[in-house]
Amino acid sequence: MPENGTDRETRPDARVRLEMLGIAAVLAVIVLGVFYLLVPPDWVDIPHLFLWTIPSLAIAAGVALAAAQHKLEKGRQAQAEIAHLRELVGCREHERDLAQEELVNRIHSERNLAREKMQFEAQLAAYEKYAAMAQLALGAAHEINNPLLGILSHLELEWKATSDPEKREEIEQCIAGTKRISSTIRGLINYARPGPLQLTKIHVGRLVDDTLSFLRHQPMFRAIKLETRMAHDLPAITADGNQLSQILMNLLLNAAEATSEGGSITIDAHKLKFTEIAVADTGCGIPADILPHVLEPFFTTKRGKGTGLGLSISHAYVRSHGGDIRVESIPGRGTTVHIVLPIRQEGKVTREEEESGDLVIG
């Protein structure tokens, strides 16, 4: 069994006492020997022997006890120094542990700061790119749109003036291309400079039903199952109905293009602190290397079909409402687009309140 602290402290003292008793005995023997050598024989009798021996033994015992006390004091001082050193070592180890912990925390903080710095720099670069794109879009729109309208009008007059089927087909192709250019320019303008919000009270469930009733009979939706999951306690939100309808239209069209026959598209809406609308499909999904770029303007995987502005314009509309848009996708399983919108637009006037003079305060 391990020895306790009291045993460890008393055993050295007992050993020292035994050593001192041995020294006292040796000194007594030495004193007696010296006494018998120096005292004349005729003086040696029992009374004188005791008179000389007892003081000698007392002197020897006193010297031995003094030496023992001195050695005990030195031992206690050594033990106190050892205890102090142990306490000092413990303090130094504790300080070392604290320093290591602080160093680890600083390393984690620096890594977090570096990560946040990279995110902020990426956001700043994206904002600068969007600002440059907006300036380019506005300049190009004004330079191209007016001549394009003249070309389109001339093509329509040419189509009406001719009865040749081949010429009409060529003109129709030109008209389709011109309209596509015009649509791209309108998308650029909407992305670069969205119009002012026309805020009204919007019931998300009713808006979703209206959008689906409009799209349900389109050819691309006929072989796809459309489902809705609306929360019962979903409140009316303050939003621009036209922009919100266009956002849903863009998301549903993208989902339908990615979903094969027999697949499904689900629209889910619920309320937490904000109102969240999710459009999920069971389509082909988006590869991980493409997913970070889907909200960028002019980015599209539909070569020759899409302009790459649908999600970008939707993103701009959502941001103008103070919301956020998030895209999740698993290749081969489908894609889900989450739209988060505030329930009320703080400090903005709705159309009804503009007429009554009331202001929406969140």
Protein backbone atom coordinates (compact mmCIF):
# COMPACT_ATOMS: atom_id res chain seq x y z
CA MET A 1 0.00 0.00 0.00
CA PRO A 2 1.25 3.53 -0.67
CA GLU A 3 2.67 5.44 2.28
CA ASN A 4 0.82 8.57 3.39
CA GLY A 5 2.44 11.96 3.90
CA THR A 6 2.72 11.66 7.72
CA ASP A 7 4.74 8.41 7.49
CA ARG A 8 7.08 10.00 4.95
CA GLU A 9 7.60 13.01 7.25
CA THR A 10 8.13 11.05 10.52
CA ARG A 11 10.46 8.35 9.21
CA PRO A 12 13.39 10.70 8.37
CA ASP A 13 13.05 12.30 11.86
CA ALA A 14 13.17 8.86 13.56
CA ARG A 15 16.22 7.91 11.53
CA VAL A 16 17.95 11.16 12.52
CA ARG A 17 17.17 10.54 16.21
CA LEU A 18 18.66 7.05 16.04
CA GLU A 19 21.76 8.44 14.38
CA MET A 20 22.07 11.11 17.08
CA LEU A 21 21.70 8.50 19.87
CA GLY A 22 24.46 6.47 18.25
CA ILE A 23 26.67 9.55 18.12
CA ALA A 24 25.90 10.29 21.80
CA ALA A 25 26.84 6.72 22.76
CA VAL A 26 30.12 6.97 20.86
CA LEU A 27 30.88 10.31 22.53
CA ALA A 28 30.12 8.84 25.97
CA VAL A 29 32.49 5.95 25.32
CA ILE A 30 35.20 8.36 24.15
CA VAL A 31 34.72 10.59 27.23
CA LEU A 32 34.89 7.57 29.58
CA GLY A 33 38.03 6.32 27.85
CA VAL A 34 39.67 9.72 28.14
CA PHE A 35 38.58 9.88 31.80
CA TYR A 36 40.19 6.55 32.68
CA LEU A 37 43.37 7.53 30.89
CA LEU A 38 43.76 10.90 32.56
CA VAL A 39 42.50 10.23 36.11
CA PRO A 40 45.12 8.71 38.54
CA PRO A 41 44.38 5.16 39.69
CA ASP A 42 44.04 6.09 43.35
CA TRP A 43 41.19 8.49 42.45
CA VAL A 44 39.14 5.82 40.83
CA ASP A 45 36.45 4.69 43.17
CA ILE A 46 32.72 4.38 42.78
CA PRO A 47 31.66 7.82 44.09
CA HIS A 48 34.28 9.75 42.14
CA LEU A 49 33.60 7.70 39.04
CA PHE A 50 29.91 8.65 39.10
CA LEU A 51 30.77 12.29 39.81
CA TRP A 52 33.03 12.42 36.77
CA THR A 53 31.04 10.14 34.51
CA ILE A 54 27.58 11.69 34.91
CA PRO A 55 28.67 15.23 33.83
CA SER A 56 30.61 13.73 30.96
CA LEU A 57 27.57 11.78 29.85
CA ALA A 58 25.38 14.87 30.23
CA ILE A 59 27.80 16.92 28.13
CA ALA A 60 27.91 14.20 25.47
CA ALA A 61 24.11 13.90 25.46
CA GLY A 62 23.73 17.70 25.16
CA VAL A 63 26.15 17.85 22.26
CA ALA A 64 24.37 14.94 20.58
CA LEU A 65 20.95 16.52 21.08
CA ALA A 66 22.18 19.88 19.77
CA ALA A 67 23.63 18.19 16.73
CA ALA A 68 20.41 16.24 16.27
CA GLN A 69 18.32 19.40 16.53
CA HIS A 70 20.54 21.14 13.99
CA LYS A 71 20.24 18.23 11.60
CA LEU A 72 16.47 18.10 12.10
CA GLU A 73 16.18 21.81 11.32
CA LYS A 74 18.23 21.37 8.18
CA GLY A 75 16.03 18.42 7.15
CA ARG A 76 12.87 20.46 7.71
CA GLN A 77 14.29 23.34 5.73
CA ALA A 78 15.18 20.95 2.91
CA GLN A 79 11.65 19.51 2.97
CA ALA A 80 10.16 23.02 2.93
CA GLU A 81 12.36 23.94 -0.03
CA ILE A 82 11.35 20.75 -1.83
CA ALA A 83 7.65 21.51 -1.20
CA HIS A 84 8.18 25.08 -2.41
CA LEU A 85 9.95 23.83 -5.52
CA ARG A 86 7.14 21.37 -6.19
CA GLU A 87 4.58 24.15 -5.83
CA LEU A 88 6.66 26.36 -8.11
CA VAL A 89 6.90 23.58 -10.69
CA GLY A 90 3.11 23.11 -10.49
CA CYS A 91 2.58 26.85 -11.04
CA ARG A 92 4.96 26.84 -14.01
CA GLU A 93 3.18 23.83 -15.53
CA HIS A 94 -0.18 25.55 -15.05
CA GLU A 95 1.17 28.72 -16.69
CA ARG A 96 2.55 26.61 -19.53
CA ASP A 97 -0.85 24.95 -20.05
CA LEU A 98 -2.57 28.35 -20.06
CA ALA A 99 -0.02 29.69 -22.55
CA GLN A 100 -0.53 26.67 -24.82
CA GLU A 101 -4.32 27.07 -24.60
CA GLU A 102 -4.04 30.78 -25.42
CA LEU A 103 -1.76 29.98 -28.34
CA VAL A 104 -4.24 27.44 -29.70
CA ASN A 105 -7.10 29.94 -29.31
CA ARG A 106 -5.09 32.60 -31.12
CA ILE A 107 -4.31 30.20 -33.95
CA HIS A 108 -8.01 29.35 -34.27
CA SER A 109 -8.92 33.04 -34.15
CA GLU A 110 -6.37 33.88 -36.83
CA ARG A 111 -7.68 31.06 -39.03
CA ASN A 112 -11.25 32.30 -38.57
CA LEU A 113 -10.18 35.86 -39.35
CA ALA A 114 -8.33 34.68 -42.44
CA ARG A 115 -11.39 32.70 -43.55
CA GLU A 116 -13.70 35.69 -42.98
CA LYS A 117 -11.25 37.93 -44.82
CA MET A 118 -11.31 35.59 -47.81
CA GLN A 119 -15.12 35.54 -47.73
CA PHE A 120 -15.32 39.34 -47.54
CA GLU A 121 -12.82 39.69 -50.37
CA ALA A 122 -14.84 37.24 -52.47
CA GLN A 123 -18.05 39.16 -51.72
CA LEU A 124 -16.35 42.45 -52.53
CA ALA A 125 -15.07 41.04 -55.83
CA ALA A 126 -18.57 39.77 -56.62
CA TYR A 127 -20.12 43.17 -55.84
CA GLU A 128 -17.52 44.93 -57.98
CA LYS A 129 -18.22 42.49 -60.80
CA TYR A 130 -21.96 43.03 -60.45
CA ALA A 131 -21.48 46.81 -60.43
CA ALA A 132 -19.37 46.64 -63.60
CA MET A 133 -21.95 44.33 -65.17
CA ALA A 134 -24.72 46.78 -64.28
CA GLN A 135 -22.92 49.67 -65.92
CA LEU A 136 -22.22 47.56 -69.01
CA ALA A 137 -25.82 46.35 -69.15
CA LEU A 138 -27.30 49.82 -68.93
CA GLY A 139 -24.95 51.20 -71.56
CA ALA A 140 -25.53 48.28 -73.93
CA ALA A 141 -29.29 48.37 -73.44
CA HIS A 142 -29.62 52.00 -74.49
CA GLU A 143 -27.33 51.54 -77.48
CA ILE A 144 -28.95 48.33 -78.74
CA ASN A 145 -32.59 48.47 -77.74
CA ASN A 146 -33.74 51.38 -79.90
CA PRO A 147 -32.22 50.10 -83.19
CA LEU A 148 -33.44 46.62 -82.31
CA LEU A 149 -37.03 47.83 -82.07
CA GLY A 150 -36.69 49.37 -85.52
CA ILE A 151 -35.31 46.11 -86.93
CA LEU A 152 -38.14 44.13 -85.34
CA SER A 153 -40.78 46.47 -86.75
CA HIS A 154 -39.24 46.23 -90.21
CA LEU A 155 -39.16 42.42 -90.04
CA GLU A 156 -42.81 42.28 -89.04
CA LEU A 157 -43.72 44.54 -91.97
CA GLU A 158 -41.68 42.32 -94.30
CA TRP A 159 -43.48 39.25 -92.96
CA LYS A 160 -46.88 40.82 -93.62
CA ALA A 161 -45.88 42.00 -97.08
CA THR A 162 -44.74 38.61 -98.38
CA SER A 163 -46.76 35.49 -99.09
CA ASP A 164 -43.81 33.24 -99.96
CA PRO A 165 -43.65 30.44 -97.32
CA GLU A 166 -39.86 30.18 -97.51
CA LYS A 167 -39.35 33.92 -97.04
CA ARG A 168 -41.86 33.95 -94.24
CA GLU A 169 -40.00 31.15 -92.48
CA GLU A 170 -36.70 33.02 -92.81
CA ILE A 171 -38.31 36.22 -91.52
CA GLU A 172 -39.88 34.32 -88.61
CA GLN A 173 -36.44 32.99 -87.65
CA CYS A 174 -35.06 36.52 -87.77
CA ILE A 175 -37.98 37.80 -85.67
CA ALA A 176 -37.42 35.02 -83.11
CA GLY A 177 -33.71 35.87 -82.88
CA THR A 178 -34.48 39.57 -82.56
CA LYS A 179 -37.01 38.92 -79.80
CA ARG A 180 -34.48 36.79 -78.01
CA ILE A 181 -31.95 39.63 -78.14
CA SER A 182 -34.62 42.00 -76.86
CA SER A 183 -35.47 39.58 -74.03
CA THR A 184 -31.80 39.36 -73.07
CA ILE A 185 -31.53 43.14 -72.99
CA ARG A 186 -34.63 43.42 -70.81
CA GLY A 187 -33.10 40.84 -68.50
CA LEU A 188 -29.90 42.89 -68.34
CA ILE A 189 -31.87 46.01 -67.45
CA ASN A 190 -33.89 44.19 -64.80
CA TYR A 191 -30.73 42.72 -63.33
CA ALA A 192 -28.75 45.96 -63.39
CA ARG A 193 -31.48 48.30 -62.24
CA PRO A 194 -34.57 46.58 -60.81
CA GLY A 195 -37.63 48.76 -60.78
CA PRO A 196 -39.04 50.14 -57.52
CA LEU A 197 -40.90 47.64 -55.41
CA GLN A 198 -44.69 47.75 -55.72
CA LEU A 199 -45.42 46.38 -52.27
CA THR A 200 -48.71 44.72 -51.42
CA LYS A 201 -49.92 42.09 -48.99
CA ILE A 202 -49.14 38.73 -50.65
CA HIS A 203 -50.57 35.37 -49.59
CA VAL A 204 -47.82 32.94 -50.58
CA GLY A 205 -50.17 29.97 -50.90
CA ARG A 206 -52.47 31.84 -53.27
CA LEU A 207 -49.49 33.11 -55.31
CA VAL A 208 -48.13 29.57 -55.64
CA ASP A 209 -51.54 28.24 -56.72
CA ASP A 210 -51.92 31.00 -59.34
CA THR A 211 -48.42 30.33 -60.72
CA LEU A 212 -48.99 26.58 -60.90
CA SER A 213 -52.40 27.00 -62.57
CA PHE A 214 -50.70 29.08 -65.25
CA LEU A 215 -47.84 26.60 -65.81
CA ARG A 216 -49.63 23.31 -65.24
CA HIS A 217 -50.92 23.03 -68.81
CA GLN A 218 -47.59 23.87 -70.44
CA PRO A 219 -46.16 20.92 -72.42
CA MET A 220 -43.01 20.65 -70.30
CA PHE A 221 -45.08 20.21 -67.10
CA ARG A 222 -47.57 17.60 -68.34
CA ALA A 223 -45.43 14.57 -67.52
CA ILE A 224 -44.19 15.98 -64.17
CA LYS A 225 -45.96 15.67 -60.83
CA LEU A 226 -46.46 19.03 -59.10
CA GLU A 227 -46.90 19.06 -55.32
CA THR A 228 -47.38 21.84 -52.77
CA ARG A 229 -46.80 21.78 -49.02
CA MET A 230 -48.06 25.00 -47.47
CA ALA A 231 -47.96 25.56 -43.72
CA HIS A 232 -51.36 26.35 -42.19
CA ASP A 233 -50.04 29.28 -40.12
CA LEU A 234 -48.31 30.95 -43.08
CA PRO A 235 -48.86 34.72 -42.73
CA ALA A 236 -49.28 37.24 -45.53
CA ILE A 237 -46.01 38.93 -46.43
CA THR A 238 -45.23 42.39 -47.75
CA ALA A 239 -43.69 41.96 -51.21
CA ASP A 240 -43.85 42.89 -54.86
CA GLY A 241 -46.29 40.38 -56.35
CA ASN A 242 -44.97 40.67 -59.92
CA GLN A 243 -41.36 40.11 -58.88
CA LEU A 244 -42.25 37.24 -56.56
CA SER A 245 -44.32 35.62 -59.34
CA GLN A 246 -41.41 35.96 -61.77
CA ILE A 247 -39.06 34.38 -59.21
CA LEU A 248 -41.35 31.37 -58.81
CA MET A 249 -41.80 31.15 -62.59
CA ASN A 250 -38.02 31.09 -63.18
CA LEU A 251 -37.45 28.45 -60.50
CA LEU A 252 -40.26 26.22 -61.74
CA LEU A 253 -39.12 26.47 -65.36
CA ASN A 254 -35.55 25.59 -64.40
CA ALA A 255 -36.82 22.66 -62.32
CA ALA A 256 -38.99 21.39 -65.17
CA GLU A 257 -36.12 21.55 -67.66
CA ALA A 258 -33.92 19.51 -65.29
CA THR A 259 -36.61 16.91 -64.45
CA SER A 260 -37.35 13.98 -66.73
CA GLU A 261 -40.77 12.49 -67.35
CA GLY A 262 -42.24 10.86 -64.27
CA GLY A 263 -40.30 13.11 -61.93
CA SER A 264 -41.77 15.55 -59.42
CA ILE A 265 -41.46 19.18 -58.35
CA THR A 266 -42.41 20.16 -54.80
CA ILE A 267 -43.05 23.67 -53.50
CA ASP A 268 -42.76 23.97 -49.75
CA ALA A 269 -43.49 27.12 -47.72
CA HIS A 270 -43.25 27.59 -43.97
CA LYS A 271 -42.55 30.31 -41.44
CA LEU A 272 -39.80 30.50 -38.87
CA LYS A 273 -38.46 33.99 -38.17
CA PHE A 274 -38.82 34.65 -41.89
CA THR A 275 -40.94 33.11 -44.61
CA GLU A 276 -39.08 30.40 -46.52
CA ILE A 277 -40.15 29.03 -49.90
CA ALA A 278 -38.39 25.95 -51.24
CA VAL A 279 -38.67 24.59 -54.79
CA ALA A 280 -37.33 21.01 -54.99
CA ASP A 281 -37.10 18.78 -58.04
CA THR A 282 -36.02 15.19 -58.67
CA GLY A 283 -33.98 16.09 -61.72
CA CYS A 284 -30.39 15.44 -62.71
CA GLY A 285 -28.90 17.80 -60.11
CA ILE A 286 -26.01 20.22 -60.46
CA PRO A 287 -22.34 19.12 -60.28
CA ALA A 288 -20.36 20.43 -57.32
CA ASP A 289 -17.96 22.44 -59.52
CA ILE A 290 -20.86 24.26 -61.22
CA LEU A 291 -23.03 24.89 -58.15
CA PRO A 292 -21.11 27.98 -56.87
CA HIS A 293 -21.67 29.76 -60.22
CA VAL A 294 -25.40 29.22 -60.79
CA LEU A 295 -26.33 32.71 -59.50
CA GLU A 296 -23.78 34.48 -61.71
CA PRO A 297 -25.16 36.45 -64.67
CA PHE A 298 -24.88 34.79 -68.10
CA PHE A 299 -23.86 31.48 -66.55
CA THR A 300 -25.87 28.65 -68.11
CA THR A 301 -25.47 24.97 -68.92
CA LYS A 302 -28.27 25.13 -71.53
CA ARG A 303 -26.12 25.96 -74.53
CA GLY A 304 -28.07 27.77 -77.23
CA LYS A 305 -31.27 27.90 -75.15
CA GLY A 306 -30.92 29.93 -71.96
CA THR A 307 -29.50 33.40 -71.41
CA GLY A 308 -28.11 32.63 -67.95
CA LEU A 309 -30.07 35.51 -66.40
CA GLY A 310 -33.07 33.72 -64.84
CA LEU A 311 -31.49 32.89 -61.48
CA SER A 312 -29.43 36.10 -61.52
CA ILE A 313 -32.56 38.24 -61.90
CA SER A 314 -34.34 36.16 -59.25
CA HIS A 315 -31.38 36.69 -56.94
CA ALA A 316 -31.51 40.44 -57.55
CA TYR A 317 -35.26 40.52 -56.83
CA VAL A 318 -34.83 38.54 -53.61
CA ARG A 319 -32.05 40.86 -52.43
CA SER A 320 -34.18 43.91 -53.20
CA HIS A 321 -36.71 42.47 -50.71
CA GLY A 322 -34.01 42.07 -48.06
CA GLY A 323 -34.04 38.29 -48.43
CA ASP A 324 -31.63 35.58 -49.45
CA ILE A 325 -31.51 32.70 -51.92
CA ARG A 326 -29.65 29.41 -51.43
CA VAL A 327 -29.18 26.50 -53.84
CA GLU A 328 -28.57 22.91 -52.74
CA SER A 329 -28.07 20.05 -55.16
CA ILE A 330 -27.00 16.42 -55.28
CA PRO A 331 -26.07 15.12 -58.74
CA GLY A 332 -28.47 12.41 -59.82
CA ARG A 333 -30.99 13.15 -57.04
CA GLY A 334 -32.22 16.68 -57.62
CA THR A 335 -31.94 20.34 -56.68
CA THR A 336 -33.60 22.48 -54.02
CA VAL A 337 -33.70 26.28 -54.15
CA HIS A 338 -34.50 28.02 -50.86
CA ILE A 339 -35.87 31.58 -50.85
CA VAL A 340 -35.94 33.41 -47.52
CA LEU A 341 -38.07 36.57 -47.37
CA PRO A 342 -38.91 38.91 -44.49
CA ILE A 343 -42.55 38.93 -43.47
CA ARG A 344 -42.69 42.73 -43.52
CA GLN A 345 -40.66 45.35 -45.33
CA GLU A 346 -39.61 47.71 -42.55
CA GLY A 347 -40.00 51.41 -43.34
CA LYS A 348 -41.43 50.81 -46.84
CA VAL A 349 -44.86 51.91 -48.00
CA THR A 350 -47.28 49.38 -49.47
CA ARG A 351 -49.70 50.34 -52.19
CA GLU A 352 -52.68 50.17 -49.84
CA GLU A 353 -50.93 52.16 -47.11
CA GLU A 354 -49.74 54.72 -49.64
CA GLU A 355 -53.37 55.44 -50.40
CA SER A 356 -54.33 55.61 -46.70
CA GLY A 357 -51.14 57.43 -45.60
CA ASP A 358 -49.98 54.63 -43.24
CA LEU A 359 -46.37 53.43 -43.08
CA VAL A 360 -45.29 49.85 -42.54
CA ILE A 361 -43.13 49.67 -39.44
CA GLY A 362 -41.88 46.14 -38.66
